[in-house]
Amino acid sequence: MTVRALLIDDDPRFSDLLATYLTQNGVLVTRAADGLKGIEAFDRGSYDIVLLDIMMPGIDGLEVCRRIRGKSTVPIVMLTARGDETDRVVGLELGADDYLAKPFSPRELLARIRAVLRRVMPDSSREHITVAGVNIDVGSRQAKLEGRDLDLTGLEFDLLLALARRAGKVVPRDALLSLAGRDDVVVGERTVDVHVSHLRAKLGDDSRAPKLIKTVRGVGYVFARDTAQGDP
């Protein structure tokens, strides 16, 4: 499955290098050139991990880390030219999951990303998600709505899982298939909209006033979050 990363760093050449390498290795990178733009990008998108530089003009990485951690448990890897132990300790105390001092190789960063995601992501074979009356058993690839079995195609199940895992957050339309692990699907002009429409119908969601999968015009979709939990 494609990993969606937000890279917040004010060094364009360094960002170019990292983004090129990570993209070639299955990481979809969104870039932000400073702390404020990084926070704005985080609020607009849906990410599996944040790669965050400490030394930036304006809002520094430590403050960005504090603000992101105040509203999300998304994994954060701190990137910095500073090797000072105090910065490392402060970053970890603010909720960062890992710390990598520059200079480092893109390959090392990729290894850290994979290691962090292995720690924080549940074993999918045992994962159960319950949100807004929908229960998803990932291992058996079965979904129920208020106890009733849902007859979903493979793609519809993957889309439902991608949205439910990010309940309450907007998932960009152009990233939904990748987040669902379905880069194999040929995307036409309305491919995603059509499949989401079919999924809504099976969920009994009113297309004119949907309660479960809502459209954010010009951006994407958000799955309702009145209750959400993950079982070990």
C-alpha atoms as a PDB file:
ATOM      1  CA  MET A   1       0.000   0.000   0.000  1.00  0.00           C
ATOM      2  CA  THR A   2       1.266   3.478  -0.833  1.00  0.00           C
ATOM      3  CA  VAL A   3       2.393   5.513   2.183  1.00  0.00           C
ATOM      4  CA  ARG A   4       1.292   9.155   2.182  1.00  0.00           C
ATOM      5  CA  ALA A   5       3.899  11.442   3.805  1.00  0.00           C
ATOM      6  CA  LEU A   6       3.959  15.164   4.560  1.00  0.00           C
ATOM      7  CA  LEU A   7       7.503  16.569   4.287  1.00  0.00           C
ATOM      8  CA  ILE A   8       7.945  19.933   6.037  1.00  0.00           C
ATOM      9  CA  ASP A   9      11.384  21.395   5.297  1.00  0.00           C
ATOM     10  CA  ASP A  10      12.584  24.800   4.065  1.00  0.00           C
ATOM     11  CA  ASP A  11      15.567  23.457   2.059  1.00  0.00           C
ATOM     12  CA  PRO A  12      14.286  22.966  -1.528  1.00  0.00           C
ATOM     13  CA  ARG A  13      17.295  20.978  -2.782  1.00  0.00           C
ATOM     14  CA  PHE A  14      17.181  18.638   0.197  1.00  0.00           C
ATOM     15  CA  SER A  15      13.411  18.254  -0.169  1.00  0.00           C
ATOM     16  CA  ASP A  16      13.791  17.503  -3.887  1.00  0.00           C
ATOM     17  CA  LEU A  17      16.279  14.743  -3.119  1.00  0.00           C
ATOM     18  CA  LEU A  18      14.125  13.135  -0.446  1.00  0.00           C
ATOM     19  CA  ALA A  19      10.872  13.441  -2.389  1.00  0.00           C
ATOM     20  CA  THR A  20      12.384  11.887  -5.518  1.00  0.00           C
ATOM     21  CA  TYR A  21      13.832   8.909  -3.662  1.00  0.00           C
ATOM     22  CA  LEU A  22      10.767   8.296  -1.479  1.00  0.00           C
ATOM     23  CA  THR A  23       8.387   8.532  -4.440  1.00  0.00           C
ATOM     24  CA  GLN A  24      10.434   5.900  -6.272  1.00  0.00           C
ATOM     25  CA  ASN A  25       9.977   3.647  -3.244  1.00  0.00           C
ATOM     26  CA  GLY A  26       6.224   3.842  -2.751  1.00  0.00           C
ATOM     27  CA  VAL A  27       5.945   6.952  -0.583  1.00  0.00           C
ATOM     28  CA  LEU A  28       3.606   9.647  -1.904  1.00  0.00           C
ATOM     29  CA  VAL A  29       5.166  12.925  -0.726  1.00  0.00           C
ATOM     30  CA  THR A  30       3.427  16.252  -0.176  1.00  0.00           C
ATOM     31  CA  ARG A  31       5.871  19.095   0.482  1.00  0.00           C
ATOM     32  CA  ALA A  32       5.581  22.234   2.593  1.00  0.00           C
ATOM     33  CA  ALA A  33       8.308  24.889   2.667  1.00  0.00           C
ATOM     34  CA  ASP A  34       7.833  26.186   6.223  1.00  0.00           C
ATOM     35  CA  GLY A  35       6.055  25.466   9.477  1.00  0.00           C
ATOM     36  CA  LEU A  36       2.894  27.458   8.802  1.00  0.00           C
ATOM     37  CA  LYS A  37       2.443  25.922   5.347  1.00  0.00           C
ATOM     38  CA  GLY A  38       3.084  22.528   6.897  1.00  0.00           C
ATOM     39  CA  ILE A  39       0.281  22.963   9.426  1.00  0.00           C
ATOM     40  CA  GLU A  40      -2.067  24.158   6.691  1.00  0.00           C
ATOM     41  CA  ALA A  41      -1.177  21.172   4.487  1.00  0.00           C
ATOM     42  CA  PHE A  42      -1.702  18.795   7.395  1.00  0.00           C
ATOM     43  CA  ASP A  43      -5.161  20.213   8.082  1.00  0.00           C
ATOM     44  CA  ARG A  44      -6.148  19.898   4.406  1.00  0.00           C
ATOM     45  CA  GLY A  45      -4.871  16.382   3.784  1.00  0.00           C
ATOM     46  CA  SER A  46      -4.675  12.883   5.197  1.00  0.00           C
ATOM     47  CA  TYR A  47      -1.225  11.464   5.957  1.00  0.00           C
ATOM     48  CA  ASP A  48       0.321   8.278   7.310  1.00  0.00           C
ATOM     49  CA  ILE A  49       3.485  10.024   8.545  1.00  0.00           C
ATOM     50  CA  VAL A  50       4.988  13.525   8.929  1.00  0.00           C
ATOM     51  CA  LEU A  51       8.678  14.234   8.200  1.00  0.00           C
ATOM     52  CA  LEU A  52       9.481  17.419  10.047  1.00  0.00           C
ATOM     53  CA  ASP A  53      12.585  19.633  10.051  1.00  0.00           C
ATOM     54  CA  ILE A  54      13.318  21.520  13.277  1.00  0.00           C
ATOM     55  CA  MET A  55      15.254  24.552  12.006  1.00  0.00           C
ATOM     56  CA  MET A  56      12.802  26.595   9.932  1.00  0.00           C
ATOM     57  CA  PRO A  57      11.994  30.309   9.770  1.00  0.00           C
ATOM     58  CA  GLY A  58       8.852  31.504  11.523  1.00  0.00           C
ATOM     59  CA  ILE A  59       7.233  28.551  13.253  1.00  0.00           C
ATOM     60  CA  ASP A  60       9.970  26.022  13.975  1.00  0.00           C
ATOM     61  CA  GLY A  61       9.593  22.260  13.847  1.00  0.00           C
ATOM     62  CA  LEU A  62       9.162  21.837  17.585  1.00  0.00           C
ATOM     63  CA  GLU A  63       6.147  24.146  17.569  1.00  0.00           C
ATOM     64  CA  VAL A  64       4.737  22.394  14.495  1.00  0.00           C
ATOM     65  CA  CYS A  65       5.171  19.058  16.269  1.00  0.00           C
ATOM     66  CA  ARG A  66       3.349  20.383  19.335  1.00  0.00           C
ATOM     67  CA  ARG A  67       0.419  21.664  17.251  1.00  0.00           C
ATOM     68  CA  ILE A  68       0.074  18.485  15.190  1.00  0.00           C
ATOM     69  CA  ARG A  69       0.308  16.277  18.240  1.00  0.00           C
ATOM     70  CA  GLY A  70      -2.417  18.356  19.874  1.00  0.00           C
ATOM     71  CA  LYS A  71      -4.930  17.108  17.310  1.00  0.00           C
ATOM     72  CA  SER A  72      -3.523  13.885  15.844  1.00  0.00           C
ATOM     73  CA  THR A  73      -1.559  10.747  16.678  1.00  0.00           C
ATOM     74  CA  VAL A  74       0.001  10.573  13.198  1.00  0.00           C
ATOM     75  CA  PRO A  75       3.633   9.374  13.418  1.00  0.00           C
ATOM     76  CA  ILE A  76       6.221  12.183  13.279  1.00  0.00           C
ATOM     77  CA  VAL A  77       9.895  11.791  12.367  1.00  0.00           C
ATOM     78  CA  MET A  78      12.006  14.844  13.235  1.00  0.00           C
ATOM     79  CA  LEU A  79      14.731  15.856  10.750  1.00  0.00           C
ATOM     80  CA  THR A  80      17.386  18.342  11.775  1.00  0.00           C
ATOM     81  CA  ALA A  81      20.938  19.526  11.242  1.00  0.00           C
ATOM     82  CA  ARG A  82      21.208  19.859  14.973  1.00  0.00           C
ATOM     83  CA  GLY A  83      22.677  16.928  16.835  1.00  0.00           C
ATOM     84  CA  ASP A  84      22.058  18.576  20.182  1.00  0.00           C
ATOM     85  CA  GLU A  85      20.651  16.164  22.754  1.00  0.00           C
ATOM     86  CA  THR A  86      18.330  18.845  24.155  1.00  0.00           C
ATOM     87  CA  ASP A  87      16.541  19.240  20.807  1.00  0.00           C
ATOM     88  CA  ARG A  88      16.213  15.489  20.504  1.00  0.00           C
ATOM     89  CA  VAL A  89      14.759  15.137  23.994  1.00  0.00           C
ATOM     90  CA  VAL A  90      12.344  18.059  23.524  1.00  0.00           C
ATOM     91  CA  GLY A  91      11.142  16.669  20.200  1.00  0.00           C
ATOM     92  CA  LEU A  92      10.481  13.252  21.691  1.00  0.00           C
ATOM     93  CA  GLU A  93       8.780  14.774  24.719  1.00  0.00           C
ATOM     94  CA  LEU A  94       6.484  16.728  22.393  1.00  0.00           C
ATOM     95  CA  GLY A  95       5.392  13.446  20.834  1.00  0.00           C
ATOM     96  CA  ALA A  96       7.776  12.778  17.946  1.00  0.00           C
ATOM     97  CA  ASP A  97       8.158   9.067  17.176  1.00  0.00           C
ATOM     98  CA  ASP A  98      11.730   9.162  15.871  1.00  0.00           C
ATOM     99  CA  TYR A  99      14.619  11.575  15.325  1.00  0.00           C
ATOM    100  CA  LEU A 100      17.134  11.657  12.466  1.00  0.00           C
ATOM    101  CA  ALA A 101      20.090  14.073  12.443  1.00  0.00           C
ATOM    102  CA  LYS A 102      21.377  15.472   9.142  1.00  0.00           C
ATOM    103  CA  PRO A 103      23.278  14.530   7.120  1.00  0.00           C
ATOM    104  CA  PHE A 104      21.576  11.201   6.449  1.00  0.00           C
ATOM    105  CA  SER A 105      20.863   9.160   3.341  1.00  0.00           C
ATOM    106  CA  PRO A 106      17.371   8.914   1.821  1.00  0.00           C
ATOM    107  CA  ARG A 107      17.713   5.162   2.198  1.00  0.00           C
ATOM    108  CA  GLU A 108      18.164   5.525   5.960  1.00  0.00           C
ATOM    109  CA  LEU A 109      15.087   7.755   6.167  1.00  0.00           C
ATOM    110  CA  LEU A 110      13.032   5.206   4.223  1.00  0.00           C
ATOM    111  CA  ALA A 111      14.123   2.505   6.667  1.00  0.00           C
ATOM    112  CA  ARG A 112      13.095   4.709   9.606  1.00  0.00           C
ATOM    113  CA  ILE A 113       9.702   5.432   8.006  1.00  0.00           C
ATOM    114  CA  ARG A 114       9.020   1.729   7.543  1.00  0.00           C
ATOM    115  CA  ALA A 115      10.138   0.933  11.089  1.00  0.00           C
ATOM    116  CA  VAL A 116       7.926   3.634  12.620  1.00  0.00           C
ATOM    117  CA  LEU A 117       4.887   2.537  10.591  1.00  0.00           C
ATOM    118  CA  ARG A 118       5.418  -1.093  11.628  1.00  0.00           C
ATOM    119  CA  ARG A 119       5.343   0.005  15.265  1.00  0.00           C
ATOM    120  CA  VAL A 120       2.247   2.157  15.077  1.00  0.00           C
ATOM    121  CA  MET A 121       0.111   0.282  12.545  1.00  0.00           C
ATOM    122  CA  PRO A 122      -1.922  -2.641  13.860  1.00  0.00           C
ATOM    123  CA  ASP A 123      -1.508  -6.161  12.533  1.00  0.00           C
ATOM    124  CA  SER A 124      -4.052  -5.985   9.725  1.00  0.00           C
ATOM    125  CA  SER A 125      -4.985  -9.643  10.126  1.00  0.00           C
ATOM    126  CA  ARG A 126      -6.310  -8.841  13.623  1.00  0.00           C
ATOM    127  CA  GLU A 127      -7.587  -5.343  12.968  1.00  0.00           C
ATOM    128  CA  HIS A 128     -11.229  -4.487  13.616  1.00  0.00           C
ATOM    129  CA  ILE A 129     -12.677  -1.037  13.066  1.00  0.00           C
ATOM    130  CA  THR A 130     -16.037   0.207  14.285  1.00  0.00           C
ATOM    131  CA  VAL A 131     -17.184   3.639  13.174  1.00  0.00           C
ATOM    132  CA  ALA A 132     -20.649   5.164  12.752  1.00  0.00           C
ATOM    133  CA  GLY A 133     -22.346   1.771  13.034  1.00  0.00           C
ATOM    134  CA  VAL A 134     -20.065   0.140  10.473  1.00  0.00           C
ATOM    135  CA  ASN A 135     -17.932  -2.792  11.662  1.00  0.00           C
ATOM    136  CA  ILE A 136     -14.980  -3.899   9.545  1.00  0.00           C
ATOM    137  CA  ASP A 137     -13.020  -7.124  10.072  1.00  0.00           C
ATOM    138  CA  VAL A 138      -9.864  -6.513   8.064  1.00  0.00           C
ATOM    139  CA  GLY A 139      -8.494 -10.040   8.227  1.00  0.00           C
ATOM    140  CA  SER A 140     -11.647 -11.675   6.862  1.00  0.00           C
ATOM    141  CA  ARG A 141     -12.457  -8.675   4.611  1.00  0.00           C
ATOM    142  CA  GLN A 142     -16.016  -8.545   5.916  1.00  0.00           C
ATOM    143  CA  ALA A 143     -18.053  -5.462   6.772  1.00  0.00           C
ATOM    144  CA  LYS A 144     -21.347  -5.032   8.563  1.00  0.00           C
ATOM    145  CA  LEU A 145     -23.713  -2.102   9.047  1.00  0.00           C
ATOM    146  CA  GLU A 146     -25.682  -2.260  12.302  1.00  0.00           C
ATOM    147  CA  GLY A 147     -25.077  -6.016  12.322  1.00  0.00           C
ATOM    148  CA  ARG A 148     -26.165  -6.544   8.714  1.00  0.00           C
ATOM    149  CA  ASP A 149     -23.626  -8.035   6.289  1.00  0.00           C
ATOM    150  CA  LEU A 150     -22.584  -5.705   3.475  1.00  0.00           C
ATOM    151  CA  ASP A 151     -22.133  -7.257   0.041  1.00  0.00           C
ATOM    152  CA  LEU A 152     -19.144  -5.267  -1.204  1.00  0.00           C
ATOM    153  CA  THR A 153     -16.825  -5.728  -4.133  1.00  0.00           C
ATOM    154  CA  GLY A 154     -13.093  -5.893  -3.391  1.00  0.00           C
ATOM    155  CA  LEU A 155     -12.605  -2.285  -4.443  1.00  0.00           C
ATOM    156  CA  GLU A 156     -15.601  -1.068  -2.438  1.00  0.00           C
ATOM    157  CA  PHE A 157     -14.240  -2.810   0.660  1.00  0.00           C
ATOM    158  CA  ASP A 158     -10.813  -1.204   0.175  1.00  0.00           C
ATOM    159  CA  LEU A 159     -12.355   2.251  -0.255  1.00  0.00           C
ATOM    160  CA  LEU A 160     -14.525   1.783   2.831  1.00  0.00           C
ATOM    161  CA  LEU A 161     -11.496   0.675   4.861  1.00  0.00           C
ATOM    162  CA  ALA A 162      -9.369   3.634   3.697  1.00  0.00           C
ATOM    163  CA  LEU A 163     -12.119   6.100   4.640  1.00  0.00           C
ATOM    164  CA  ALA A 164     -13.009   4.434   7.956  1.00  0.00           C
ATOM    165  CA  ARG A 165      -9.372   4.342   9.083  1.00  0.00           C
ATOM    166  CA  ARG A 166      -9.332   8.122   8.626  1.00  0.00           C
ATOM    167  CA  ALA A 167     -12.808   8.828   9.998  1.00  0.00           C
ATOM    168  CA  GLY A 168     -13.371  12.516  10.631  1.00  0.00           C
ATOM    169  CA  LYS A 169     -10.556  13.590   8.292  1.00  0.00           C
ATOM    170  CA  VAL A 170     -10.933  14.688   4.691  1.00  0.00           C
ATOM    171  CA  VAL A 171      -9.411  12.215   2.236  1.00  0.00           C
ATOM    172  CA  PRO A 172      -8.470  13.913  -1.063  1.00  0.00           C
ATOM    173  CA  ARG A 173     -10.231  12.410  -4.065  1.00  0.00           C
ATOM    174  CA  ASP A 174      -6.959  12.046  -6.009  1.00  0.00           C
ATOM    175  CA  ALA A 175      -5.330  10.135  -3.136  1.00  0.00           C
ATOM    176  CA  LEU A 176      -8.171   7.804  -2.181  1.00  0.00           C
ATOM    177  CA  LEU A 177      -7.277   4.927  -4.486  1.00  0.00           C
ATOM    178  CA  SER A 178      -3.640   4.996  -3.381  1.00  0.00           C
ATOM    179  CA  LEU A 179      -4.628   5.071   0.289  1.00  0.00           C
ATOM    180  CA  ALA A 180      -6.895   2.101  -0.413  1.00  0.00           C
ATOM    181  CA  GLY A 181      -3.916   0.251  -1.882  1.00  0.00           C
ATOM    182  CA  ARG A 182      -5.562   0.170  -5.296  1.00  0.00           C
ATOM    183  CA  ASP A 183      -3.066   1.834  -7.605  1.00  0.00           C
ATOM    184  CA  ASP A 184      -3.974  -0.974 -10.000  1.00  0.00           C
ATOM    185  CA  VAL A 185      -7.311   0.682 -10.784  1.00  0.00           C
ATOM    186  CA  VAL A 186      -7.378   2.683 -14.022  1.00  0.00           C
ATOM    187  CA  VAL A 187      -8.633   6.143 -13.133  1.00  0.00           C
ATOM    188  CA  GLY A 188     -11.086   7.771 -15.486  1.00  0.00           C
ATOM    189  CA  GLU A 189     -12.578  11.219 -15.079  1.00  0.00           C
ATOM    190  CA  ARG A 190     -15.208  10.075 -12.571  1.00  0.00           C
ATOM    191  CA  THR A 191     -13.868   6.664 -11.491  1.00  0.00           C
ATOM    192  CA  VAL A 192     -13.572   7.473  -7.801  1.00  0.00           C
ATOM    193  CA  ASP A 193     -16.910   9.294  -7.651  1.00  0.00           C
ATOM    194  CA  VAL A 194     -18.689   6.358  -9.298  1.00  0.00           C
ATOM    195  CA  HIS A 195     -17.245   3.782  -6.913  1.00  0.00           C
ATOM    196  CA  VAL A 196     -17.965   5.950  -3.872  1.00  0.00           C
ATOM    197  CA  SER A 197     -21.537   6.345  -5.158  1.00  0.00           C
ATOM    198  CA  HIS A 198     -21.905   2.550  -5.351  1.00  0.00           C
ATOM    199  CA  LEU A 199     -20.483   2.215  -1.835  1.00  0.00           C
ATOM    200  CA  ARG A 200     -22.908   4.820  -0.526  1.00  0.00           C
ATOM    201  CA  ALA A 201     -25.835   2.933  -2.062  1.00  0.00           C
ATOM    202  CA  LYS A 202     -24.821  -0.284  -0.297  1.00  0.00           C
ATOM    203  CA  LEU A 203     -24.483   1.611   2.975  1.00  0.00           C
ATOM    204  CA  GLY A 204     -27.982   3.025   2.486  1.00  0.00           C
ATOM    205  CA  ASP A 205     -26.508   6.522   2.457  1.00  0.00           C
ATOM    206  CA  ASP A 206     -28.813   9.127   0.901  1.00  0.00           C
ATOM    207  CA  SER A 207     -26.913  10.481  -2.113  1.00  0.00           C
ATOM    208  CA  ARG A 208     -28.545  13.905  -1.676  1.00  0.00           C
ATOM    209  CA  ALA A 209     -27.768  14.194   2.027  1.00  0.00           C
ATOM    210  CA  PRO A 210     -25.269  11.444   2.953  1.00  0.00           C
ATOM    211  CA  LYS A 211     -24.623  10.851   6.638  1.00  0.00           C
ATOM    212  CA  LEU A 212     -21.763   8.351   6.433  1.00  0.00           C
ATOM    213  CA  ILE A 213     -19.613   9.398   3.461  1.00  0.00           C
ATOM    214  CA  LYS A 214     -19.801  13.138   2.945  1.00  0.00           C
ATOM    215  CA  THR A 215     -18.405  15.037  -0.019  1.00  0.00           C
ATOM    216  CA  VAL A 216     -16.147  18.025   0.574  1.00  0.00           C
ATOM    217  CA  ARG A 217     -16.673  19.915  -2.650  1.00  0.00           C
ATOM    218  CA  GLY A 218     -13.534  20.277  -4.733  1.00  0.00           C
ATOM    219  CA  VAL A 219     -11.447  18.264  -2.266  1.00  0.00           C
ATOM    220  CA  GLY A 220     -12.624  14.744  -1.496  1.00  0.00           C
ATOM    221  CA  TYR A 221     -14.569  12.730   1.060  1.00  0.00           C
ATOM    222  CA  VAL A 222     -14.860  12.382   4.815  1.00  0.00           C
ATOM    223  CA  PHE A 223     -16.292   9.423   6.704  1.00  0.00           C
ATOM    224  CA  ALA A 224     -18.542  10.367   9.626  1.00  0.00           C
ATOM    225  CA  ARG A 225     -17.023   9.972  13.055  1.00  0.00           C
ATOM    226  CA  ASP A 226     -19.674   9.728  15.724  1.00  0.00           C
ATOM    227  CA  THR A 227     -17.937   6.697  17.248  1.00  0.00           C
ATOM    228  CA  ALA A 228     -14.600   5.228  16.266  1.00  0.00           C
ATOM    229  CA  GLN A 229     -12.369   2.639  17.812  1.00  0.00           C
ATOM    230  CA  GLY A 230      -9.741   0.084  16.874  1.00  0.00           C
ATOM    231  CA  ASP A 231      -9.522  -3.306  18.571  1.00  0.00           C
ATOM    232  CA  PRO A 232      -6.213  -5.047  19.072  1.00  0.00           C
END
